[in-house]
PDB file of N, CA and C in Angstrom:
ATOM      1  N   MET A   1      -3.520  -1.263   6.758  1.00  0.00           N
ATOM      2  CA  MET A   1      -4.732  -0.920   6.070  1.00  0.00           C
ATOM      3  C   MET A   1      -4.783  -1.706   4.780  1.00  0.00           C
ATOM      4  N   GLY A   2      -5.784  -2.497   4.592  1.00  0.00           N
ATOM      5  CA  GLY A   2      -5.946  -3.246   3.358  1.00  0.00           C
ATOM      6  C   GLY A   2      -6.750  -2.467   2.347  1.00  0.00           C
ATOM      7  N   PHE A   3      -6.616  -2.865   1.083  1.00  0.00           N
ATOM      8  CA  PHE A   3      -7.396  -2.207   0.045  1.00  0.00           C
ATOM      9  C   PHE A   3      -8.803  -2.763   0.035  1.00  0.00           C
ATOM     10  N   LYS A   4      -9.803  -1.871  -0.056  1.00  0.00           N
ATOM     11  CA  LYS A   4     -11.196  -2.256  -0.122  1.00  0.00           C
ATOM     12  C   LYS A   4     -11.799  -1.629  -1.367  1.00  0.00           C
ATOM     13  N   SER A   5     -12.984  -2.062  -1.739  1.00  0.00           N
ATOM     14  CA  SER A   5     -13.622  -1.528  -2.935  1.00  0.00           C
ATOM     15  C   SER A   5     -14.040  -0.076  -2.762  1.00  0.00           C
ATOM     16  N   ASP A   6     -14.114   0.417  -1.529  1.00  0.00           N
ATOM     17  CA  ASP A   6     -14.519   1.809  -1.328  1.00  0.00           C
ATOM     18  C   ASP A   6     -13.326   2.752  -1.202  1.00  0.00           C
ATOM     19  N   ILE A   7     -12.117   2.281  -1.516  1.00  0.00           N
ATOM     20  CA  ILE A   7     -10.921   3.095  -1.474  1.00  0.00           C
ATOM     21  C   ILE A   7     -10.387   3.237  -2.896  1.00  0.00           C
ATOM     22  N   GLN A   8     -10.016   4.472  -3.260  1.00  0.00           N
ATOM     23  CA  GLN A   8      -9.389   4.673  -4.556  1.00  0.00           C
ATOM     24  C   GLN A   8      -8.002   5.258  -4.333  1.00  0.00           C
ATOM     25  N   ALA A   9      -7.109   5.079  -5.297  1.00  0.00           N
ATOM     26  CA  ALA A   9      -5.742   5.571  -5.193  1.00  0.00           C
ATOM     27  C   ALA A   9      -5.474   6.568  -6.309  1.00  0.00           C
ATOM     28  N   THR A  10      -4.817   7.679  -5.970  1.00  0.00           N
ATOM     29  CA  THR A  10      -4.417   8.687  -6.942  1.00  0.00           C
ATOM     30  C   THR A  10      -2.946   8.973  -6.734  1.00  0.00           C
ATOM     31  N   ARG A  11      -2.136   8.842  -7.796  1.00  0.00           N
ATOM     32  CA  ARG A  11      -0.695   9.067  -7.709  1.00  0.00           C
ATOM     33  C   ARG A  11      -0.373  10.436  -8.306  1.00  0.00           C
ATOM     34  N   PHE A  12       0.497  11.196  -7.628  1.00  0.00           N
ATOM     35  CA  PHE A  12       0.984  12.448  -8.201  1.00  0.00           C
ATOM     36  C   PHE A  12       2.473  12.578  -7.953  1.00  0.00           C
ATOM     37  N   THR A  13       3.125  13.374  -8.793  1.00  0.00           N
ATOM     38  CA  THR A  13       4.586  13.483  -8.726  1.00  0.00           C
ATOM     39  C   THR A  13       5.101  14.914  -8.708  1.00  0.00           C
ATOM     40  N   ALA A  14       4.206  15.902  -8.627  1.00  0.00           N
ATOM     41  CA  ALA A  14       4.663  17.303  -8.620  1.00  0.00           C
ATOM     42  C   ALA A  14       3.753  18.160  -7.759  1.00  0.00           C
ATOM     43  N   ALA A  15       4.332  19.190  -7.176  1.00  0.00           N
ATOM     44  CA  ALA A  15       3.543  20.174  -6.438  1.00  0.00           C
ATOM     45  C   ALA A  15       3.005  21.193  -7.429  1.00  0.00           C
ATOM     46  N   GLY A  16       1.894  21.817  -7.075  1.00  0.00           N
ATOM     47  CA  GLY A  16       1.356  22.840  -7.960  1.00  0.00           C
ATOM     48  C   GLY A  16       0.093  23.456  -7.413  1.00  0.00           C
ATOM     49  N   ALA A  17      -0.402  24.475  -8.122  1.00  0.00           N
ATOM     50  CA  ALA A  17      -1.577  25.188  -7.664  1.00  0.00           C
ATOM     51  C   ALA A  17      -2.871  24.451  -7.993  1.00  0.00           C
ATOM     52  N   SER A  18      -2.841  23.546  -8.968  1.00  0.00           N
ATOM     53  CA  SER A  18      -4.073  22.828  -9.294  1.00  0.00           C
ATOM     54  C   SER A  18      -4.284  21.686  -8.317  1.00  0.00           C
ATOM     55  N   ALA A  19      -5.537  21.310  -8.145  1.00  0.00           N
ATOM     56  CA  ALA A  19      -5.869  20.275  -7.182  1.00  0.00           C
ATOM     57  C   ALA A  19      -5.385  18.916  -7.666  1.00  0.00           C
ATOM     58  N   VAL A  20      -4.838  18.131  -6.742  1.00  0.00           N
ATOM     59  CA  VAL A  20      -4.494  16.748  -7.030  1.00  0.00           C
ATOM     60  C   VAL A  20      -5.800  15.969  -7.236  1.00  0.00           C
ATOM     61  N   ILE A  21      -6.765  16.206  -6.376  1.00  0.00           N
ATOM     62  CA  ILE A  21      -8.113  15.657  -6.518  1.00  0.00           C
ATOM     63  C   ILE A  21      -9.059  16.833  -6.291  1.00  0.00           C
ATOM     64  N   ALA A  22      -9.814  17.226  -7.310  1.00  0.00           N
ATOM     65  CA  ALA A  22     -10.617  18.443  -7.260  1.00  0.00           C
ATOM     66  C   ALA A  22     -12.062  18.167  -6.898  1.00  0.00           C
ATOM     67  N   GLN A  23     -12.293  17.640  -5.750  1.00  0.00           N
ATOM     68  CA  GLN A  23     -13.654  17.389  -5.275  1.00  0.00           C
ATOM     69  C   GLN A  23     -13.591  17.226  -3.763  1.00  0.00           C
ATOM     70  N   PRO A  24     -14.702  17.261  -3.083  1.00  0.00           N
ATOM     71  CA  PRO A  24     -14.644  16.934  -1.651  1.00  0.00           C
ATOM     72  C   PRO A  24     -14.101  15.507  -1.496  1.00  0.00           C
ATOM     73  N   VAL A  25     -13.112  15.346  -0.662  1.00  0.00           N
ATOM     74  CA  VAL A  25     -12.485  14.023  -0.539  1.00  0.00           C
ATOM     75  C   VAL A  25     -11.956  13.835   0.876  1.00  0.00           C
ATOM     76  N   ARG A  26     -11.957  12.603   1.317  1.00  0.00           N
ATOM     77  CA  ARG A  26     -11.411  12.238   2.623  1.00  0.00           C
ATOM     78  C   ARG A  26     -10.200  11.334   2.378  1.00  0.00           C
ATOM     79  N   VAL A  27      -9.017  11.804   2.796  1.00  0.00           N
ATOM     80  CA  VAL A  27      -7.780  11.036   2.632  1.00  0.00           C
ATOM     81  C   VAL A  27      -7.693  10.036   3.768  1.00  0.00           C
ATOM     82  N   ARG A  28      -7.547   8.756   3.433  1.00  0.00           N
ATOM     83  CA  ARG A  28      -7.447   7.673   4.423  1.00  0.00           C
ATOM     84  C   ARG A  28      -6.019   7.212   4.667  1.00  0.00           C
ATOM     85  N   GLY A  29      -5.144   7.455   3.697  1.00  0.00           N
ATOM     86  CA  GLY A  29      -3.764   7.033   3.841  1.00  0.00           C
ATOM     87  C   GLY A  29      -2.918   7.565   2.702  1.00  0.00           C
ATOM     88  N   LEU A  30      -1.605   7.441   2.835  1.00  0.00           N
ATOM     89  CA  LEU A  30      -0.663   7.888   1.817  1.00  0.00           C
ATOM     90  C   LEU A  30       0.471   6.888   1.713  1.00  0.00           C
ATOM     91  N   ILE A  31       1.007   6.770   0.519  1.00  0.00           N
ATOM     92  CA  ILE A  31       2.240   6.028   0.292  1.00  0.00           C
ATOM     93  C   ILE A  31       3.196   7.028  -0.347  1.00  0.00           C
ATOM     94  N   VAL A  32       4.319   7.278   0.314  1.00  0.00           N
ATOM     95  CA  VAL A  32       5.254   8.316  -0.135  1.00  0.00           C
ATOM     96  C   VAL A  32       6.598   7.665  -0.423  1.00  0.00           C
ATOM     97  N   SER A  33       7.162   7.980  -1.597  1.00  0.00           N
ATOM     98  CA  SER A  33       8.443   7.443  -2.017  1.00  0.00           C
ATOM     99  C   SER A  33       9.477   8.559  -2.065  1.00  0.00           C
ATOM    100  N   SER A  34      10.552   8.416  -1.300  1.00  0.00           N
ATOM    101  CA  SER A  34      11.622   9.402  -1.278  1.00  0.00           C
ATOM    102  C   SER A  34      12.408   9.331  -2.590  1.00  0.00           C
ATOM    103  N   SER A  35      12.962  10.451  -3.020  1.00  0.00           N
ATOM    104  CA  SER A  35      13.810  10.470  -4.221  1.00  0.00           C
ATOM    105  C   SER A  35      15.244  10.064  -3.890  1.00  0.00           C
ATOM    106  N   GLY A  36      15.561   9.955  -2.590  1.00  0.00           N
ATOM    107  CA  GLY A  36      16.916   9.611  -2.179  1.00  0.00           C
ATOM    108  C   GLY A  36      17.841  10.815  -2.104  1.00  0.00           C
ATOM    109  N   GLY A  37      17.290  12.014  -2.328  1.00  0.00           N
ATOM    110  CA  GLY A  37      18.116  13.221  -2.342  1.00  0.00           C
ATOM    111  C   GLY A  37      18.036  14.030  -1.065  1.00  0.00           C
ATOM    112  N   GLY A  38      17.812  13.400   0.058  1.00  0.00           N
ATOM    113  CA  GLY A  38      17.685  14.113   1.328  1.00  0.00           C
ATOM    114  C   GLY A  38      16.293  13.944   1.898  1.00  0.00           C
ATOM    115  N   THR A  39      16.066  14.544   3.065  1.00  0.00           N
ATOM    116  CA  THR A  39      14.769  14.453   3.719  1.00  0.00           C
ATOM    117  C   THR A  39      13.690  15.025   2.819  1.00  0.00           C
ATOM    118  N   GLY A  40      12.620  14.257   2.619  1.00  0.00           N
ATOM    119  CA  GLY A  40      11.527  14.686   1.759  1.00  0.00           C
ATOM    120  C   GLY A  40      10.443  15.404   2.547  1.00  0.00           C
ATOM    121  N   THR A  41       9.717  16.271   1.872  1.00  0.00           N
ATOM    122  CA  THR A  41       8.622  17.013   2.483  1.00  0.00           C
ATOM    123  C   THR A  41       7.401  16.957   1.582  1.00  0.00           C
ATOM    124  N   VAL A  42       6.238  16.654   2.179  1.00  0.00           N
ATOM    125  CA  VAL A  42       4.961  16.709   1.477  1.00  0.00           C
ATOM    126  C   VAL A  42       4.041  17.595   2.307  1.00  0.00           C
ATOM    127  N   LEU A  43       3.445  18.603   1.672  1.00  0.00           N
ATOM    128  CA  LEU A  43       2.541  19.527   2.351  1.00  0.00           C
ATOM    129  C   LEU A  43       1.238  19.551   1.576  1.00  0.00           C
ATOM    130  N   LEU A  44       0.156  19.060   2.180  1.00  0.00           N
ATOM    131  CA  LEU A  44      -1.159  19.049   1.542  1.00  0.00           C
ATOM    132  C   LEU A  44      -2.016  20.138   2.172  1.00  0.00           C
ATOM    133  N   THR A  45      -2.655  20.932   1.326  1.00  0.00           N
ATOM    134  CA  THR A  45      -3.431  22.076   1.792  1.00  0.00           C
ATOM    135  C   THR A  45      -4.863  22.021   1.276  1.00  0.00           C
ATOM    136  N   THR A  46      -5.701  22.901   1.829  1.00  0.00           N
ATOM    137  CA  THR A  46      -7.123  22.924   1.484  1.00  0.00           C
ATOM    138  C   THR A  46      -7.399  23.656   0.188  1.00  0.00           C
ATOM    139  N   THR A  47      -6.633  24.685  -0.133  1.00  0.00           N
ATOM    140  CA  THR A  47      -6.804  25.437  -1.376  1.00  0.00           C
ATOM    141  C   THR A  47      -5.456  25.963  -1.834  1.00  0.00           C
ATOM    142  N   GLU A  48      -5.111  25.729  -3.037  1.00  0.00           N
ATOM    143  CA  GLU A  48      -3.884  26.207  -3.664  1.00  0.00           C
ATOM    144  C   GLU A  48      -2.774  26.444  -2.653  1.00  0.00           C
ATOM    145  N   LYS A  49      -1.924  27.433  -2.866  1.00  0.00           N
ATOM    146  CA  LYS A  49      -0.770  27.650  -1.973  1.00  0.00           C
ATOM    147  C   LYS A  49      -1.119  28.456  -0.734  1.00  0.00           C
ATOM    148  N   THR A  50      -2.301  29.066  -0.696  1.00  0.00           N
ATOM    149  CA  THR A  50      -2.666  29.898   0.454  1.00  0.00           C
ATOM    150  C   THR A  50      -3.612  29.187   1.412  1.00  0.00           C
ATOM    151  N   GLY A  51      -3.928  27.942   1.139  1.00  0.00           N
ATOM    152  CA  GLY A  51      -4.880  27.220   1.984  1.00  0.00           C
ATOM    153  C   GLY A  51      -4.292  26.779   3.309  1.00  0.00           C
ATOM    154  N   ASP A  52      -5.166  26.326   4.185  1.00  0.00           N
ATOM    155  CA  ASP A  52      -4.722  25.779   5.464  1.00  0.00           C
ATOM    156  C   ASP A  52      -3.992  24.471   5.234  1.00  0.00           C
ATOM    157  N   THR A  53      -2.900  24.276   5.943  1.00  0.00           N
ATOM    158  CA  THR A  53      -2.162  23.016   5.858  1.00  0.00           C
ATOM    159  C   THR A  53      -2.882  21.979   6.707  1.00  0.00           C
ATOM    160  N   LEU A  54      -3.311  20.879   6.082  1.00  0.00           N
ATOM    161  CA  LEU A  54      -3.972  19.814   6.826  1.00  0.00           C
ATOM    162  C   LEU A  54      -3.064  18.612   7.044  1.00  0.00           C
ATOM    163  N   LEU A  55      -1.985  18.523   6.266  1.00  0.00           N
ATOM    164  CA  LEU A  55      -1.061  17.405   6.447  1.00  0.00           C
ATOM    165  C   LEU A  55       0.333  17.839   6.025  1.00  0.00           C
ATOM    166  N   HIS A  56       1.313  17.686   6.940  1.00  0.00           N
ATOM    167  CA  HIS A  56       2.710  18.012   6.668  1.00  0.00           C
ATOM    168  C   HIS A  56       3.532  16.789   7.060  1.00  0.00           C
ATOM    169  N   LEU A  57       4.213  16.184   6.077  1.00  0.00           N
ATOM    170  CA  LEU A  57       4.997  14.978   6.321  1.00  0.00           C
ATOM    171  C   LEU A  57       6.463  15.220   5.997  1.00  0.00           C
ATOM    172  N   ASP A  58       7.345  14.694   6.832  1.00  0.00           N
ATOM    173  CA  ASP A  58       8.772  14.652   6.541  1.00  0.00           C
ATOM    174  C   ASP A  58       9.148  13.191   6.344  1.00  0.00           C
ATOM    175  N   ILE A  59       9.811  12.886   5.212  1.00  0.00           N
ATOM    176  CA  ILE A  59      10.130  11.511   4.836  1.00  0.00           C
ATOM    177  C   ILE A  59      11.648  11.321   4.881  1.00  0.00           C
ATOM    178  N   PRO A  60      12.140  10.287   5.605  1.00  0.00           N
ATOM    179  CA  PRO A  60      13.585  10.024   5.628  1.00  0.00           C
ATOM    180  C   PRO A  60      14.108   9.707   4.226  1.00  0.00           C
ATOM    181  N   THR A  61      15.325  10.127   3.929  1.00  0.00           N
ATOM    182  CA  THR A  61      15.895   9.904   2.607  1.00  0.00           C
ATOM    183  C   THR A  61      15.975   8.417   2.265  1.00  0.00           C
ATOM    184  N   GLY A  62      15.587   8.085   1.057  1.00  0.00           N
ATOM    185  CA  GLY A  62      15.665   6.712   0.568  1.00  0.00           C
ATOM    186  C   GLY A  62      14.532   5.794   0.976  1.00  0.00           C
ATOM    187  N   ASP A  63      13.577   6.247   1.749  1.00  0.00           N
ATOM    188  CA  ASP A  63      12.504   5.385   2.258  1.00  0.00           C
ATOM    189  C   ASP A  63      11.241   5.450   1.400  1.00  0.00           C
ATOM    190  N   VAL A  64      10.461   4.400   1.478  1.00  0.00           N
ATOM    191  CA  VAL A  64       9.074   4.390   1.007  1.00  0.00           C
ATOM    192  C   VAL A  64       8.238   4.180   2.259  1.00  0.00           C
ATOM    193  N   VAL A  65       7.327   5.112   2.535  1.00  0.00           N
ATOM    194  CA  VAL A  65       6.585   5.080   3.789  1.00  0.00           C
ATOM    195  C   VAL A  65       5.101   4.969   3.489  1.00  0.00           C
ATOM    196  N   ASN A  66       4.426   4.077   4.218  1.00  0.00           N
ATOM    197  CA  ASN A  66       2.983   3.886   4.092  1.00  0.00           C
ATOM    198  C   ASN A  66       2.333   4.424   5.363  1.00  0.00           C
ATOM    199  N   PHE A  67       1.555   5.512   5.220  1.00  0.00           N
ATOM    200  CA  PHE A  67       0.867   6.121   6.354  1.00  0.00           C
ATOM    201  C   PHE A  67      -0.596   5.719   6.327  1.00  0.00           C
ATOM    202  N   SER A  68      -1.081   5.123   7.386  1.00  0.00           N
ATOM    203  CA  SER A  68      -2.510   4.878   7.554  1.00  0.00           C
ATOM    204  C   SER A  68      -3.016   5.927   8.532  1.00  0.00           C
ATOM    205  N   LEU A  69      -3.995   6.705   8.109  1.00  0.00           N
ATOM    206  CA  LEU A  69      -4.538   7.761   8.960  1.00  0.00           C
ATOM    207  C   LEU A  69      -5.614   7.184   9.865  1.00  0.00           C
ATOM    208  N   PRO A  70      -5.987   7.904  10.926  1.00  0.00           N
ATOM    209  CA  PRO A  70      -7.049   7.421  11.811  1.00  0.00           C
ATOM    210  C   PRO A  70      -8.314   7.100  11.013  1.00  0.00           C
ATOM    211  N   GLU A  71      -9.199   6.362  11.607  1.00  0.00           N
ATOM    212  CA  GLU A  71     -10.381   5.834  10.917  1.00  0.00           C
ATOM    213  C   GLU A  71     -11.150   6.870  10.123  1.00  0.00           C
ATOM    214  N   ASP A  72     -11.304   8.096  10.643  1.00  0.00           N
ATOM    215  CA  ASP A  72     -12.040   9.127   9.928  1.00  0.00           C
ATOM    216  C   ASP A  72     -11.219   9.801   8.831  1.00  0.00           C
ATOM    217  N   GLY A  73      -9.917   9.561   8.785  1.00  0.00           N
ATOM    218  CA  GLY A  73      -9.070  10.189   7.788  1.00  0.00           C
ATOM    219  C   GLY A  73      -9.025  11.695   7.963  1.00  0.00           C
ATOM    220  N   ILE A  74      -8.606  12.401   6.905  1.00  0.00           N
ATOM    221  CA  ILE A  74      -8.572  13.862   6.905  1.00  0.00           C
ATOM    222  C   ILE A  74      -9.461  14.351   5.775  1.00  0.00           C
ATOM    223  N   LEU A  75     -10.423  15.200   6.101  1.00  0.00           N
ATOM    224  CA  LEU A  75     -11.364  15.724   5.123  1.00  0.00           C
ATOM    225  C   LEU A  75     -10.796  16.961   4.430  1.00  0.00           C
ATOM    226  N   PHE A  76     -10.804  16.959   3.094  1.00  0.00           N
ATOM    227  CA  PHE A  76     -10.430  18.105   2.265  1.00  0.00           C
ATOM    228  C   PHE A  76     -11.682  18.513   1.497  1.00  0.00           C
ATOM    229  N   PRO A  77     -12.485  19.441   2.029  1.00  0.00           N
ATOM    230  CA  PRO A  77     -13.781  19.757   1.430  1.00  0.00           C
ATOM    231  C   PRO A  77     -13.713  20.355   0.035  1.00  0.00           C
ATOM    232  N   GLN A  78     -12.627  21.052  -0.311  1.00  0.00           N
ATOM    233  CA  GLN A  78     -12.506  21.675  -1.626  1.00  0.00           C
ATOM    234  C   GLN A  78     -11.532  20.945  -2.534  1.00  0.00           C
ATOM    235  N   GLY A  79     -11.155  19.755  -2.163  1.00  0.00           N
ATOM    236  CA  GLY A  79     -10.157  19.002  -2.920  1.00  0.00           C
ATOM    237  C   GLY A  79      -8.811  19.050  -2.225  1.00  0.00           C
ATOM    238  N   VAL A  80      -7.882  18.222  -2.703  1.00  0.00           N
ATOM    239  CA  VAL A  80      -6.545  18.127  -2.131  1.00  0.00           C
ATOM    240  C   VAL A  80      -5.580  18.919  -3.018  1.00  0.00           C
ATOM    241  N   PHE A  81      -4.838  19.832  -2.423  1.00  0.00           N
ATOM    242  CA  PHE A  81      -3.813  20.589  -3.125  1.00  0.00           C
ATOM    243  C   PHE A  81      -2.463  20.249  -2.498  1.00  0.00           C
ATOM    244  N   CYS A  82      -1.443  20.099  -3.320  1.00  0.00           N
ATOM    245  CA  CYS A  82      -0.095  19.845  -2.820  1.00  0.00           C
ATOM    246  C   CYS A  82       0.718  21.108  -3.043  1.00  0.00           C
ATOM    247  N   SER A  83       1.047  21.831  -1.961  1.00  0.00           N
ATOM    248  CA  SER A  83       1.796  23.071  -2.104  1.00  0.00           C
ATOM    249  C   SER A  83       3.297  22.861  -2.048  1.00  0.00           C
ATOM    250  N   THR A  84       3.751  21.758  -1.465  1.00  0.00           N
ATOM    251  CA  THR A  84       5.187  21.470  -1.378  1.00  0.00           C
ATOM    252  C   THR A  84       5.419  19.987  -1.611  1.00  0.00           C
ATOM    253  N   LEU A  85       6.375  19.686  -2.461  1.00  0.00           N
ATOM    254  CA  LEU A  85       6.804  18.305  -2.701  1.00  0.00           C
ATOM    255  C   LEU A  85       8.296  18.370  -2.971  1.00  0.00           C
ATOM    256  N   THR A  86       9.101  18.100  -1.934  1.00  0.00           N
ATOM    257  CA  THR A  86      10.550  18.262  -2.019  1.00  0.00           C
ATOM    258  C   THR A  86      11.221  16.919  -1.756  1.00  0.00           C
ATOM    259  N   SER A  87      12.163  16.529  -2.618  1.00  0.00           N
ATOM    260  CA  SER A  87      12.930  15.284  -2.485  1.00  0.00           C
ATOM    261  C   SER A  87      12.027  14.057  -2.347  1.00  0.00           C
ATOM    262  N   VAL A  88      10.900  14.087  -3.051  1.00  0.00           N
ATOM    263  CA  VAL A  88       9.950  12.975  -3.059  1.00  0.00           C
ATOM    264  C   VAL A  88       9.677  12.616  -4.513  1.00  0.00           C
ATOM    265  N   SER A  89       9.768  11.326  -4.861  1.00  0.00           N
ATOM    266  CA  SER A  89       9.546  10.953  -6.253  1.00  0.00           C
ATOM    267  C   SER A  89       8.071  10.759  -6.574  1.00  0.00           C
ATOM    268  N   SER A  90       7.268  10.307  -5.615  1.00  0.00           N
ATOM    269  CA  SER A  90       5.833  10.211  -5.861  1.00  0.00           C
ATOM    270  C   SER A  90       5.064  10.052  -4.556  1.00  0.00           C
ATOM    271  N   VAL A  91       3.783  10.420  -4.630  1.00  0.00           N
ATOM    272  CA  VAL A  91       2.865  10.261  -3.500  1.00  0.00           C
ATOM    273  C   VAL A  91       1.598   9.605  -4.038  1.00  0.00           C
ATOM    274  N   VAL A  92       1.106   8.604  -3.332  1.00  0.00           N
ATOM    275  CA  VAL A  92      -0.166   7.976  -3.665  1.00  0.00           C
ATOM    276  C   VAL A  92      -1.134   8.284  -2.543  1.00  0.00           C
ATOM    277  N   LEU A  93      -2.259   8.936  -2.879  1.00  0.00           N
ATOM    278  CA  LEU A  93      -3.303   9.235  -1.905  1.00  0.00           C
ATOM    279  C   LEU A  93      -4.335   8.118  -1.944  1.00  0.00           C
ATOM    280  N   LEU A  94      -4.650   7.573  -0.798  1.00  0.00           N
ATOM    281  CA  LEU A  94      -5.714   6.579  -0.671  1.00  0.00           C
ATOM    282  C   LEU A  94      -6.916   7.303  -0.104  1.00  0.00           C
ATOM    283  N   THR A  95      -8.001   7.349  -0.870  1.00  0.00           N
ATOM    284  CA  THR A  95      -9.153   8.167  -0.511  1.00  0.00           C
ATOM    285  C   THR A  95     -10.447   7.375  -0.621  1.00  0.00           C
ATOM    286  N   ASP A  96     -11.490   7.901   0.048  1.00  0.00           N
ATOM    287  CA  ASP A  96     -12.842   7.366  -0.127  1.00  0.00           C
ATOM    288  C   ASP A  96     -13.387   7.829  -1.467  1.00  0.00           C
ATOM    289  N   LYS A  97     -14.327   7.077  -2.000  1.00  0.00           N
ATOM    290  CA  LYS A  97     -15.094   7.525  -3.154  1.00  0.00           C
ATOM    291  C   LYS A  97     -16.335   8.211  -2.621  1.00  0.00           C
ATOM    292  N   TYR A  98     -16.667   9.360  -3.187  1.00  0.00           N
ATOM    293  CA  TYR A  98     -17.839  10.119  -2.733  1.00  0.00           C
ATOM    294  C   TYR A  98     -18.781  10.375  -3.883  1.00  0.00           C
ATOM    295  N   SER A  99     -20.067  10.476  -3.559  1.00  0.00           N
ATOM    296  CA  SER A  99     -21.074  10.641  -4.589  1.00  0.00           C
ATOM    297  C   SER A  99     -21.544  12.068  -4.759  1.00  0.00           C
ATOM    298  N   GLY A 100     -21.173  12.980  -3.893  1.00  0.00           N
ATOM    299  CA  GLY A 100     -21.657  14.339  -4.047  1.00  0.00           C
ATOM    300  C   GLY A 100     -21.148  15.251  -2.963  1.00  0.00           C
ATOM    301  N   PRO A 101     -21.616  16.503  -2.970  1.00  0.00           N
ATOM    302  CA  PRO A 101     -21.086  17.499  -2.044  1.00  0.00           C
ATOM    303  C   PRO A 101     -21.416  17.221  -0.581  1.00  0.00           C
ATOM    304  N   ASN A 102     -22.356  16.339  -0.291  1.00  0.00           N
ATOM    305  CA  ASN A 102     -22.674  16.012   1.103  1.00  0.00           C
ATOM    306  C   ASN A 102     -21.746  14.951   1.683  1.00  0.00           C
ATOM    307  N   LEU A 103     -20.767  14.557   0.880  1.00  0.00           N
ATOM    308  CA  LEU A 103     -19.747  13.597   1.316  1.00  0.00           C
ATOM    309  C   LEU A 103     -20.351  12.267   1.761  1.00  0.00           C
ATOM    310  N   THR A 104     -21.286  11.755   0.996  1.00  0.00           N
ATOM    311  CA  THR A 104     -21.826  10.424   1.271  1.00  0.00           C
ATOM    312  C   THR A 104     -21.059   9.430   0.427  1.00  0.00           C
ATOM    313  N   THR A 105     -20.679   8.326   1.018  1.00  0.00           N
ATOM    314  CA  THR A 105     -19.899   7.349   0.289  1.00  0.00           C
ATOM    315  C   THR A 105     -20.770   6.576  -0.688  1.00  0.00           C
ATOM    316  N   THR A 106     -20.140   6.127  -1.771  1.00  0.00           N
ATOM    317  CA  THR A 106     -20.839   5.266  -2.715  1.00  0.00           C
ATOM    318  C   THR A 106     -20.561   3.823  -2.349  1.00  0.00           C
ATOM    319  N   ASN A 107     -21.459   2.940  -2.675  1.00  0.00           N
ATOM    320  CA  ASN A 107     -21.272   1.509  -2.398  1.00  0.00           C
ATOM    321  C   ASN A 107     -21.180   0.774  -3.724  1.00  0.00           C
ATOM    322  N   LYS A 108     -19.960   0.625  -4.214  1.00  0.00           N
ATOM    323  CA  LYS A 108     -19.736  -0.083  -5.484  1.00  0.00           C
ATOM    324  C   LYS A 108     -18.870  -1.280  -5.242  1.00  0.00           C
TER     325      LYS A 108
END
């Protein structure tokens, strides 16, 4: 997956109840860096810690992994929340840019 002008990247390094991206967003890919301290886990949910899990990744220790999702990506209508981030030093979300709640892409 190459970088295009309609893709933005957001890096985060901790799990928590606040949204990583607090808007309707479609995740197109991820880059995950292991901390080297064992198998890493990333759990992305629809709302805080009680939301539906839409993406659960296990990362081999010591690896940096680039995941390209299917063409439509994964839609997070209320924003992306990370409920679990274990043995991972950072995650970069590659997402579409959106102009409003109807999830229409912007052309910049």
